[in-house]
Amino acid sequence: MVQILCQQQIIILSGVFSGISLRIFEYFDLILEYDSKRVNGGVKAKLFNHLNILVGALDLKDISGGISYSFQL
């Protein structure tokens, strides 16, 4: 069971969920997942070998995104 806080509501996901990521280039991935209720999709790009940018569509309708920076210690 996974709980997600979304717009002041707790969404409980139960059931089968899965995902797949397909690397198109060394720096570009296509992402597709099923979260037991909806199908979500997105793209992830890695820039300058450290900066990750993710843009997705929740339920293939609502846009979401994120930025992260990764490095080795």
PDB file of N, CA and C in Angstrom:
ATOM      1  N   MET A   1       0.844  -1.171   0.000  1.00  0.00           N
ATOM      2  CA  MET A   1       0.000   0.000   0.000  1.00  0.00           C
ATOM      3  C   MET A   1       0.892   1.237   0.000  1.00  0.00           C
ATOM      4  N   VAL A   2       0.551   2.203  -0.799  1.00  0.00           N
ATOM      5  CA  VAL A   2       1.280   3.461  -0.902  1.00  0.00           C
ATOM      6  C   VAL A   2       0.310   4.593  -0.621  1.00  0.00           C
ATOM      7  N   GLN A   3       0.725   5.550   0.216  1.00  0.00           N
ATOM      8  CA  GLN A   3      -0.108   6.723   0.482  1.00  0.00           C
ATOM      9  C   GLN A   3       0.558   7.957  -0.105  1.00  0.00           C
ATOM     10  N   ILE A   4      -0.215   8.777  -0.773  1.00  0.00           N
ATOM     11  CA  ILE A   4       0.284   9.999  -1.402  1.00  0.00           C
ATOM     12  C   ILE A   4      -0.591  11.160  -0.950  1.00  0.00           C
ATOM     13  N   LEU A   5       0.033  12.237  -0.479  1.00  0.00           N
ATOM     14  CA  LEU A   5      -0.705  13.442  -0.116  1.00  0.00           C
ATOM     15  C   LEU A   5      -0.807  14.322  -1.352  1.00  0.00           C
ATOM     16  N   CYS A   6      -2.021  14.593  -1.772  1.00  0.00           N
ATOM     17  CA  CYS A   6      -2.248  15.340  -3.003  1.00  0.00           C
ATOM     18  C   CYS A   6      -3.388  16.321  -2.781  1.00  0.00           C
ATOM     19  N   GLN A   7      -3.101  17.607  -2.859  1.00  0.00           N
ATOM     20  CA  GLN A   7      -4.098  18.658  -2.709  1.00  0.00           C
ATOM     21  C   GLN A   7      -4.952  18.443  -1.454  1.00  0.00           C
ATOM     22  N   GLN A   8      -4.270  18.232  -0.309  1.00  0.00           N
ATOM     23  CA  GLN A   8      -4.917  18.066   0.986  1.00  0.00           C
ATOM     24  C   GLN A   8      -5.738  16.789   1.109  1.00  0.00           C
ATOM     25  N   GLN A   9      -5.545  15.833   0.217  1.00  0.00           N
ATOM     26  CA  GLN A   9      -6.223  14.547   0.299  1.00  0.00           C
ATOM     27  C   GLN A   9      -5.171  13.446   0.316  1.00  0.00           C
ATOM     28  N   ILE A  10      -5.441  12.394   1.028  1.00  0.00           N
ATOM     29  CA  ILE A  10      -4.550  11.241   1.013  1.00  0.00           C
ATOM     30  C   ILE A  10      -5.124  10.219   0.047  1.00  0.00           C
ATOM     31  N   ILE A  11      -4.310   9.851  -0.936  1.00  0.00           N
ATOM     32  CA  ILE A  11      -4.718   8.875  -1.932  1.00  0.00           C
ATOM     33  C   ILE A  11      -4.047   7.552  -1.562  1.00  0.00           C
ATOM     34  N   ILE A  12      -4.821   6.517  -1.403  1.00  0.00           N
ATOM     35  CA  ILE A  12      -4.281   5.203  -1.070  1.00  0.00           C
ATOM     36  C   ILE A  12      -4.355   4.336  -2.318  1.00  0.00           C
ATOM     37  N   LEU A  13      -3.185   3.871  -2.742  1.00  0.00           N
ATOM     38  CA  LEU A  13      -3.115   2.999  -3.900  1.00  0.00           C
ATOM     39  C   LEU A  13      -2.952   1.566  -3.411  1.00  0.00           C
ATOM     40  N   SER A  14      -3.828   0.706  -3.819  1.00  0.00           N
ATOM     41  CA  SER A  14      -3.686  -0.707  -3.499  1.00  0.00           C
ATOM     42  C   SER A  14      -3.992  -1.495  -4.754  1.00  0.00           C
ATOM     43  N   GLY A  15      -3.268  -2.540  -4.953  1.00  0.00           N
ATOM     44  CA  GLY A  15      -3.436  -3.338  -6.153  1.00  0.00           C
ATOM     45  C   GLY A  15      -2.124  -3.411  -6.910  1.00  0.00           C
ATOM     46  N   VAL A  16      -2.201  -3.855  -8.123  1.00  0.00           N
ATOM     47  CA  VAL A  16      -1.025  -4.033  -8.955  1.00  0.00           C
ATOM     48  C   VAL A  16      -0.610  -2.699  -9.542  1.00  0.00           C
ATOM     49  N   PHE A  17       0.684  -2.397  -9.447  1.00  0.00           N
ATOM     50  CA  PHE A  17       1.204  -1.228 -10.132  1.00  0.00           C
ATOM     51  C   PHE A  17       2.526  -1.591 -10.770  1.00  0.00           C
ATOM     52  N   SER A  18       2.858  -0.926 -11.861  1.00  0.00           N
ATOM     53  CA  SER A  18       4.075  -1.248 -12.592  1.00  0.00           C
ATOM     54  C   SER A  18       4.530  -0.043 -13.396  1.00  0.00           C
ATOM     55  N   GLY A  19       5.744  -0.124 -13.903  1.00  0.00           N
ATOM     56  CA  GLY A  19       6.281   0.956 -14.713  1.00  0.00           C
ATOM     57  C   GLY A  19       7.386   0.456 -15.621  1.00  0.00           C
ATOM     58  N   ILE A  20       7.632   1.218 -16.663  1.00  0.00           N
ATOM     59  CA  ILE A  20       8.702   0.886 -17.592  1.00  0.00           C
ATOM     60  C   ILE A  20       9.379   2.183 -18.013  1.00  0.00           C
ATOM     61  N   SER A  21      10.673   2.107 -18.169  1.00  0.00           N
ATOM     62  CA  SER A  21      11.457   3.249 -18.626  1.00  0.00           C
ATOM     63  C   SER A  21      12.270   2.792 -19.832  1.00  0.00           C
ATOM     64  N   LEU A  22      12.189   3.535 -20.907  1.00  0.00           N
ATOM     65  CA  LEU A  22      12.884   3.194 -22.140  1.00  0.00           C
ATOM     66  C   LEU A  22      13.918   4.273 -22.442  1.00  0.00           C
ATOM     67  N   ARG A  23      15.195   3.912 -22.421  1.00  0.00           N
ATOM     68  CA  ARG A  23      16.264   4.875 -22.699  1.00  0.00           C
ATOM     69  C   ARG A  23      16.397   5.029 -24.212  1.00  0.00           C
ATOM     70  N   ILE A  24      16.068   6.219 -24.708  1.00  0.00           N
ATOM     71  CA  ILE A  24      16.140   6.509 -26.137  1.00  0.00           C
ATOM     72  C   ILE A  24      17.570   6.901 -26.521  1.00  0.00           C
ATOM     73  N   PHE A  25      18.148   7.795 -25.756  1.00  0.00           N
ATOM     74  CA  PHE A  25      19.537   8.204 -25.901  1.00  0.00           C
ATOM     75  C   PHE A  25      20.194   8.083 -24.534  1.00  0.00           C
ATOM     76  N   GLU A  26      21.469   8.317 -24.445  1.00  0.00           N
ATOM     77  CA  GLU A  26      22.180   8.227 -23.173  1.00  0.00           C
ATOM     78  C   GLU A  26      21.632   9.217 -22.142  1.00  0.00           C
ATOM     79  N   TYR A  27      21.007  10.276 -22.602  1.00  0.00           N
ATOM     80  CA  TYR A  27      20.543  11.354 -21.734  1.00  0.00           C
ATOM     81  C   TYR A  27      19.028  11.558 -21.765  1.00  0.00           C
ATOM     82  N   PHE A  28      18.256  10.628 -22.361  1.00  0.00           N
ATOM     83  CA  PHE A  28      16.827  10.860 -22.560  1.00  0.00           C
ATOM     84  C   PHE A  28      16.056   9.556 -22.362  1.00  0.00           C
ATOM     85  N   ASP A  29      15.048   9.565 -21.457  1.00  0.00           N
ATOM     86  CA  ASP A  29      14.231   8.379 -21.169  1.00  0.00           C
ATOM     87  C   ASP A  29      12.748   8.689 -21.385  1.00  0.00           C
ATOM     88  N   LEU A  30      12.014   7.706 -21.877  1.00  0.00           N
ATOM     89  CA  LEU A  30      10.550   7.745 -21.907  1.00  0.00           C
ATOM     90  C   LEU A  30      10.052   6.867 -20.764  1.00  0.00           C
ATOM     91  N   ILE A  31       9.034   7.330 -20.037  1.00  0.00           N
ATOM     92  CA  ILE A  31       8.544   6.631 -18.859  1.00  0.00           C
ATOM     93  C   ILE A  31       7.036   6.409 -19.000  1.00  0.00           C
ATOM     94  N   LEU A  32       6.595   5.205 -18.653  1.00  0.00           N
ATOM     95  CA  LEU A  32       5.173   4.887 -18.650  1.00  0.00           C
ATOM     96  C   LEU A  32       4.910   4.022 -17.428  1.00  0.00           C
ATOM     97  N   GLU A  33       3.846   4.334 -16.678  1.00  0.00           N
ATOM     98  CA  GLU A  33       3.537   3.557 -15.481  1.00  0.00           C
ATOM     99  C   GLU A  33       2.036   3.438 -15.291  1.00  0.00           C
ATOM    100  N   TYR A  34       1.685   2.400 -14.547  1.00  0.00           N
ATOM    101  CA  TYR A  34       0.300   2.168 -14.152  1.00  0.00           C
ATOM    102  C   TYR A  34       0.294   2.092 -12.634  1.00  0.00           C
ATOM    103  N   ASP A  35      -0.508   2.906 -11.962  1.00  0.00           N
ATOM    104  CA  ASP A  35      -0.461   3.003 -10.497  1.00  0.00           C
ATOM    105  C   ASP A  35      -1.668   2.363  -9.812  1.00  0.00           C
ATOM    106  N   SER A  36      -2.282   1.410 -10.414  1.00  0.00           N
ATOM    107  CA  SER A  36      -3.456   0.656  -9.962  1.00  0.00           C
ATOM    108  C   SER A  36      -4.764   1.389 -10.233  1.00  0.00           C
ATOM    109  N   LYS A  37      -4.702   2.631 -10.678  1.00  0.00           N
ATOM    110  CA  LYS A  37      -5.911   3.387 -11.027  1.00  0.00           C
ATOM    111  C   LYS A  37      -5.784   4.123 -12.360  1.00  0.00           C
ATOM    112  N   ARG A  38      -4.576   4.603 -12.672  1.00  0.00           N
ATOM    113  CA  ARG A  38      -4.384   5.434 -13.866  1.00  0.00           C
ATOM    114  C   ARG A  38      -3.085   5.070 -14.593  1.00  0.00           C
ATOM    115  N   VAL A  39      -3.009   5.522 -15.828  1.00  0.00           N
ATOM    116  CA  VAL A  39      -1.784   5.404 -16.618  1.00  0.00           C
ATOM    117  C   VAL A  39      -1.121   6.772 -16.630  1.00  0.00           C
ATOM    118  N   ASN A  40       0.151   6.805 -16.268  1.00  0.00           N
ATOM    119  CA  ASN A  40       0.934   8.034 -16.235  1.00  0.00           C
ATOM    120  C   ASN A  40       2.099   7.897 -17.200  1.00  0.00           C
ATOM    121  N   GLY A  41       2.524   8.992 -17.779  1.00  0.00           N
ATOM    122  CA  GLY A  41       3.646   8.959 -18.715  1.00  0.00           C
ATOM    123  C   GLY A  41       4.522  10.179 -18.541  1.00  0.00           C
ATOM    124  N   GLY A  42       5.739  10.090 -19.048  1.00  0.00           N
ATOM    125  CA  GLY A  42       6.625  11.235 -18.938  1.00  0.00           C
ATOM    126  C   GLY A  42       7.914  11.047 -19.696  1.00  0.00           C
ATOM    127  N   VAL A  43       8.727  12.073 -19.642  1.00  0.00           N
ATOM    128  CA  VAL A  43      10.071  12.054 -20.224  1.00  0.00           C
ATOM    129  C   VAL A  43      11.051  12.586 -19.182  1.00  0.00           C
ATOM    130  N   LYS A  44      12.259  12.035 -19.222  1.00  0.00           N
ATOM    131  CA  LYS A  44      13.306  12.497 -18.314  1.00  0.00           C
ATOM    132  C   LYS A  44      14.553  12.772 -19.138  1.00  0.00           C
ATOM    133  N   ALA A  45      15.148  13.931 -18.915  1.00  0.00           N
ATOM    134  CA  ALA A  45      16.371  14.312 -19.619  1.00  0.00           C
ATOM    135  C   ALA A  45      17.475  14.584 -18.602  1.00  0.00           C
ATOM    136  N   LYS A  46      18.680  14.119 -18.919  1.00  0.00           N
ATOM    137  CA  LYS A  46      19.836  14.370 -18.059  1.00  0.00           C
ATOM    138  C   LYS A  46      20.739  15.354 -18.786  1.00  0.00           C
ATOM    139  N   LEU A  47      20.962  16.513 -18.162  1.00  0.00           N
ATOM    140  CA  LEU A  47      21.769  17.571 -18.768  1.00  0.00           C
ATOM    141  C   LEU A  47      23.056  17.776 -17.979  1.00  0.00           C
ATOM    142  N   PHE A  48      24.122  18.036 -18.659  1.00  0.00           N
ATOM    143  CA  PHE A  48      25.420  18.349 -18.045  1.00  0.00           C
ATOM    144  C   PHE A  48      25.888  17.240 -17.103  1.00  0.00           C
ATOM    145  N   ASN A  49      25.422  16.008 -17.341  1.00  0.00           N
ATOM    146  CA  ASN A  49      25.803  14.822 -16.583  1.00  0.00           C
ATOM    147  C   ASN A  49      25.376  14.843 -15.112  1.00  0.00           C
ATOM    148  N   HIS A  50      24.640  15.832 -14.653  1.00  0.00           N
ATOM    149  CA  HIS A  50      24.226  15.909 -13.254  1.00  0.00           C
ATOM    150  C   HIS A  50      22.794  16.398 -13.060  1.00  0.00           C
ATOM    151  N   LEU A  51      22.283  17.205 -13.945  1.00  0.00           N
ATOM    152  CA  LEU A  51      20.971  17.828 -13.795  1.00  0.00           C
ATOM    153  C   LEU A  51      19.904  16.978 -14.487  1.00  0.00           C
ATOM    154  N   ASN A  52      18.890  16.539 -13.725  1.00  0.00           N
ATOM    155  CA  ASN A  52      17.794  15.729 -14.259  1.00  0.00           C
ATOM    156  C   ASN A  52      16.521  16.558 -14.302  1.00  0.00           C
ATOM    157  N   ILE A  53      15.859  16.537 -15.434  1.00  0.00           N
ATOM    158  CA  ILE A  53      14.591  17.245 -15.605  1.00  0.00           C
ATOM    159  C   ILE A  53      13.534  16.214 -15.987  1.00  0.00           C
ATOM    160  N   LEU A  54      12.425  16.208 -15.238  1.00  0.00           N
ATOM    161  CA  LEU A  54      11.343  15.256 -15.471  1.00  0.00           C
ATOM    162  C   LEU A  54      10.059  16.023 -15.750  1.00  0.00           C
ATOM    163  N   VAL A  55       9.385  15.668 -16.825  1.00  0.00           N
ATOM    164  CA  VAL A  55       8.078  16.227 -17.159  1.00  0.00           C
ATOM    165  C   VAL A  55       7.150  15.042 -17.391  1.00  0.00           C
ATOM    166  N   GLY A  56       5.997  15.066 -16.692  1.00  0.00           N
ATOM    167  CA  GLY A  56       5.086  13.939 -16.801  1.00  0.00           C
ATOM    168  C   GLY A  56       3.648  14.377 -16.935  1.00  0.00           C
ATOM    169  N   ALA A  57       2.822  13.413 -17.254  1.00  0.00           N
ATOM    170  CA  ALA A  57       1.383  13.645 -17.357  1.00  0.00           C
ATOM    171  C   ALA A  57       0.687  12.608 -16.482  1.00  0.00           C
ATOM    172  N   LEU A  58       0.060  13.078 -15.391  1.00  0.00           N
ATOM    173  CA  LEU A  58      -0.684  12.203 -14.498  1.00  0.00           C
ATOM    174  C   LEU A  58      -2.026  11.876 -15.137  1.00  0.00           C
ATOM    175  N   ASP A  59      -2.333  10.615 -15.224  1.00  0.00           N
ATOM    176  CA  ASP A  59      -3.547  10.142 -15.895  1.00  0.00           C
ATOM    177  C   ASP A  59      -3.570  10.608 -17.356  1.00  0.00           C
ATOM    178  N   LEU A  60      -2.397  10.889 -17.881  1.00  0.00           N
ATOM    179  CA  LEU A  60      -2.202  11.395 -19.241  1.00  0.00           C
ATOM    180  C   LEU A  60      -2.985  12.688 -19.499  1.00  0.00           C
ATOM    181  N   LYS A  61      -3.282  13.453 -18.412  1.00  0.00           N
ATOM    182  CA  LYS A  61      -4.008  14.716 -18.539  1.00  0.00           C
ATOM    183  C   LYS A  61      -3.321  15.848 -17.792  1.00  0.00           C
ATOM    184  N   ASP A  62      -3.028  15.660 -16.511  1.00  0.00           N
ATOM    185  CA  ASP A  62      -2.486  16.719 -15.661  1.00  0.00           C
ATOM    186  C   ASP A  62      -0.959  16.709 -15.710  1.00  0.00           C
ATOM    187  N   ILE A  63      -0.372  17.865 -15.955  1.00  0.00           N
ATOM    188  CA  ILE A  63       1.073  17.992 -16.121  1.00  0.00           C
ATOM    189  C   ILE A  63       1.760  18.105 -14.759  1.00  0.00           C
ATOM    190  N   SER A  64       2.888  17.419 -14.643  1.00  0.00           N
ATOM    191  CA  SER A  64       3.722  17.529 -13.442  1.00  0.00           C
ATOM    192  C   SER A  64       5.176  17.594 -13.886  1.00  0.00           C
ATOM    193  N   GLY A  65       6.048  17.932 -12.960  1.00  0.00           N
ATOM    194  CA  GLY A  65       7.458  18.008 -13.323  1.00  0.00           C
ATOM    195  C   GLY A  65       8.354  18.091 -12.111  1.00  0.00           C
ATOM    196  N   GLY A  66       9.637  17.968 -12.366  1.00  0.00           N
ATOM    197  CA  GLY A  66      10.607  18.059 -11.285  1.00  0.00           C
ATOM    198  C   GLY A  66      12.011  18.253 -11.828  1.00  0.00           C
ATOM    199  N   ILE A  67      12.853  18.786 -10.977  1.00  0.00           N
ATOM    200  CA  ILE A  67      14.269  19.002 -11.295  1.00  0.00           C
ATOM    201  C   ILE A  67      15.080  18.444 -10.146  1.00  0.00           C
ATOM    202  N   SER A  68      16.143  17.707 -10.464  1.00  0.00           N
ATOM    203  CA  SER A  68      17.044  17.214  -9.419  1.00  0.00           C
ATOM    204  C   SER A  68      18.486  17.324  -9.896  1.00  0.00           C
ATOM    205  N   TYR A  69      19.382  17.380  -8.938  1.00  0.00           N
ATOM    206  CA  TYR A  69      20.818  17.454  -9.217  1.00  0.00           C
ATOM    207  C   TYR A  69      21.486  16.295  -8.488  1.00  0.00           C
ATOM    208  N   SER A  70      22.265  15.493  -9.188  1.00  0.00           N
ATOM    209  CA  SER A  70      22.890  14.330  -8.567  1.00  0.00           C
ATOM    210  C   SER A  70      24.408  14.399  -8.747  1.00  0.00           C
ATOM    211  N   PHE A  71      25.107  13.888  -7.738  1.00  0.00           N
ATOM    212  CA  PHE A  71      26.567  13.822  -7.789  1.00  0.00           C
ATOM    213  C   PHE A  71      27.040  12.754  -6.809  1.00  0.00           C
ATOM    214  N   GLN A  72      28.268  12.275  -7.013  1.00  0.00           N
ATOM    215  CA  GLN A  72      28.840  11.269  -6.131  1.00  0.00           C
ATOM    216  C   GLN A  72      29.635  11.936  -5.036  1.00  0.00           C
ATOM    217  N   LEU A  73      29.538  11.382  -3.835  1.00  0.00           N
ATOM    218  CA  LEU A  73      30.325  11.892  -2.709  1.00  0.00           C
ATOM    219  C   LEU A  73      31.657  11.185  -2.617  1.00  0.00           C
TER     220      LEU A  73
END
